[in-house]
């Protein structure tokens, strides 16, 4: 419907991606400290230990955000590029 009203392709992709990225970002923010504490607790039981750095977990969170943005962005590109007349004709 936004395409019919004159929205650009990038604004449609931005709206659809933004709605999906928010829950993913929230889940990453919740999971990062929990996984860091759990991994430190688990690694303390071994004789040979490694140092955990927070950027390991931050990198994994950023990678998850990027993959979800890329997936949703590519899926949102399909309806954004469609001709709105075709959609209205089918309805």
C-alpha atoms as a PDB file:
ATOM      1  CA  UNK A   1       0.000   0.000   0.000  1.00  0.00           C
ATOM      2  CA  UNK A   2       2.878   2.373   0.729  1.00  0.00           C
ATOM      3  CA  UNK A   3       4.218   1.836  -2.771  1.00  0.00           C
ATOM      4  CA  UNK A   4       0.883   2.905  -4.235  1.00  0.00           C
ATOM      5  CA  UNK A   5       0.949   6.051  -2.113  1.00  0.00           C
ATOM      6  CA  UNK A   6       4.387   6.993  -3.435  1.00  0.00           C
ATOM      7  CA  UNK A   7       6.880   5.559  -0.944  1.00  0.00           C
ATOM      8  CA  UNK A   8      10.364   4.885  -2.296  1.00  0.00           C
ATOM      9  CA  UNK A   9      11.885   1.414  -2.396  1.00  0.00           C
ATOM     10  CA  UNK A  10      14.414   2.280   0.300  1.00  0.00           C
ATOM     11  CA  UNK A  11      11.762   3.615   2.659  1.00  0.00           C
ATOM     12  CA  UNK A  12       9.786   0.370   2.325  1.00  0.00           C
ATOM     13  CA  UNK A  13      12.922  -1.690   2.995  1.00  0.00           C
ATOM     14  CA  UNK A  14      13.812   0.550   5.946  1.00  0.00           C
ATOM     15  CA  UNK A  15      10.357   0.183   7.509  1.00  0.00           C
ATOM     16  CA  UNK A  16      10.222  -3.591   7.099  1.00  0.00           C
ATOM     17  CA  UNK A  17      13.806  -4.090   8.265  1.00  0.00           C
ATOM     18  CA  UNK A  18      13.374  -1.799  11.253  1.00  0.00           C
ATOM     19  CA  UNK A  19      10.384  -3.716  12.497  1.00  0.00           C
ATOM     20  CA  UNK A  20      12.362  -6.956  12.476  1.00  0.00           C
ATOM     21  CA  UNK A  21      15.709  -5.639  13.725  1.00  0.00           C
ATOM     22  CA  UNK A  22      14.271  -4.283  16.983  1.00  0.00           C
ATOM     23  CA  UNK A  23      13.395  -7.713  18.479  1.00  0.00           C
ATOM     24  CA  UNK A  24      16.682  -9.170  17.229  1.00  0.00           C
ATOM     25  CA  UNK A  25      18.646  -6.331  18.838  1.00  0.00           C
ATOM     26  CA  UNK A  26      16.724  -6.767  22.082  1.00  0.00           C
ATOM     27  CA  UNK A  27      17.424 -10.496  22.127  1.00  0.00           C
ATOM     28  CA  UNK A  28      21.131  -9.852  21.478  1.00  0.00           C
ATOM     29  CA  UNK A  29      21.239  -7.351  24.351  1.00  0.00           C
ATOM     30  CA  UNK A  30      19.640  -9.894  26.667  1.00  0.00           C
ATOM     31  CA  UNK A  31      21.749 -12.828  25.478  1.00  0.00           C
ATOM     32  CA  UNK A  32      25.183 -11.148  25.564  1.00  0.00           C
ATOM     33  CA  UNK A  33      25.611 -10.778  29.326  1.00  0.00           C
ATOM     34  CA  UNK A  34      23.939 -14.105  30.041  1.00  0.00           C
ATOM     35  CA  UNK A  35      26.155 -16.015  27.621  1.00  0.00           C
ATOM     36  CA  UNK A  36      29.288 -14.237  28.886  1.00  0.00           C
ATOM     37  CA  UNK A  37      28.568 -15.176  32.504  1.00  0.00           C
ATOM     38  CA  UNK A  38      27.623 -18.741  31.576  1.00  0.00           C
ATOM     39  CA  UNK A  39      30.750 -19.224  29.456  1.00  0.00           C
ATOM     40  CA  UNK A  40      33.009 -17.890  32.236  1.00  0.00           C
ATOM     41  CA  UNK A  41      31.362 -20.224  34.743  1.00  0.00           C
ATOM     42  CA  UNK A  42      31.707 -23.213  32.415  1.00  0.00           C
ATOM     43  CA  UNK A  43      35.342 -22.482  31.536  1.00  0.00           C
ATOM     44  CA  UNK A  44      36.348 -22.254  35.211  1.00  0.00           C
ATOM     45  CA  UNK A  45      35.920 -26.017  35.547  1.00  0.00           C
ATOM     46  CA  UNK A  46      38.774 -26.760  33.116  1.00  0.00           C
ATOM     47  CA  UNK A  47      42.448 -27.049  34.047  1.00  0.00           C
ATOM     48  CA  UNK A  48      43.584 -25.022  31.040  1.00  0.00           C
ATOM     49  CA  UNK A  49      41.693 -21.779  30.759  1.00  0.00           C
ATOM     50  CA  UNK A  50      41.399 -19.114  28.109  1.00  0.00           C
ATOM     51  CA  UNK A  51      40.582 -15.479  28.601  1.00  0.00           C
ATOM     52  CA  UNK A  52      37.167 -14.430  27.431  1.00  0.00           C
ATOM     53  CA  UNK A  53      36.922 -11.036  25.850  1.00  0.00           C
ATOM     54  CA  UNK A  54      33.677  -9.187  25.530  1.00  0.00           C
ATOM     55  CA  UNK A  55      34.326  -8.426  21.867  1.00  0.00           C
ATOM     56  CA  UNK A  56      33.914 -12.151  21.054  1.00  0.00           C
ATOM     57  CA  UNK A  57      30.316 -11.915  22.124  1.00  0.00           C
ATOM     58  CA  UNK A  58      29.772  -8.429  20.716  1.00  0.00           C
ATOM     59  CA  UNK A  59      31.095  -9.620  17.348  1.00  0.00           C
ATOM     60  CA  UNK A  60      28.703 -12.563  17.376  1.00  0.00           C
ATOM     61  CA  UNK A  61      25.822 -10.234  18.226  1.00  0.00           C
ATOM     62  CA  UNK A  62      26.733  -7.811  15.454  1.00  0.00           C
ATOM     63  CA  UNK A  63      27.026 -10.701  13.016  1.00  0.00           C
ATOM     64  CA  UNK A  64      23.554 -11.913  14.009  1.00  0.00           C
ATOM     65  CA  UNK A  65      22.168  -8.410  13.502  1.00  0.00           C
ATOM     66  CA  UNK A  66      23.839  -8.115  10.109  1.00  0.00           C
ATOM     67  CA  UNK A  67      22.573 -11.496   8.929  1.00  0.00           C
ATOM     68  CA  UNK A  68      19.022 -10.700  10.036  1.00  0.00           C
ATOM     69  CA  UNK A  69      19.168  -7.249   8.393  1.00  0.00           C
ATOM     70  CA  UNK A  70      20.494  -8.772   5.178  1.00  0.00           C
ATOM     71  CA  UNK A  71      17.840 -11.493   5.136  1.00  0.00           C
ATOM     72  CA  UNK A  72      14.936  -9.159   5.799  1.00  0.00           C
ATOM     73  CA  UNK A  73      16.322  -6.534   3.450  1.00  0.00           C
ATOM     74  CA  UNK A  74      16.570  -8.959   0.567  1.00  0.00           C
ATOM     75  CA  UNK A  75      13.081 -10.301   1.239  1.00  0.00           C
ATOM     76  CA  UNK A  76      11.699  -6.749   1.468  1.00  0.00           C
ATOM     77  CA  UNK A  77      13.355  -5.836  -1.811  1.00  0.00           C
ATOM     78  CA  UNK A  78      11.025  -8.147  -3.735  1.00  0.00           C
ATOM     79  CA  UNK A  79       7.763  -6.345  -2.885  1.00  0.00           C
ATOM     80  CA  UNK A  80       9.491  -2.960  -3.003  1.00  0.00           C
ATOM     81  CA  UNK A  81      10.519  -3.523  -6.625  1.00  0.00           C
ATOM     82  CA  UNK A  82       7.108  -4.843  -7.699  1.00  0.00           C
ATOM     83  CA  UNK A  83       4.891  -2.701  -9.839  1.00  0.00           C
ATOM     84  CA  UNK A  84       2.014  -1.483  -7.632  1.00  0.00           C
ATOM     85  CA  UNK A  85      -0.404  -1.780 -10.532  1.00  0.00           C
ATOM     86  CA  UNK A  86       0.142  -5.552 -10.619  1.00  0.00           C
ATOM     87  CA  UNK A  87      -0.734  -5.824  -6.946  1.00  0.00           C
ATOM     88  CA  UNK A  88      -3.866  -3.740  -7.286  1.00  0.00           C
ATOM     89  CA  UNK A  89      -4.964  -5.690 -10.330  1.00  0.00           C
ATOM     90  CA  UNK A  90      -4.664  -8.994  -8.467  1.00  0.00           C
ATOM     91  CA  UNK A  91      -6.608  -7.721  -5.480  1.00  0.00           C
END
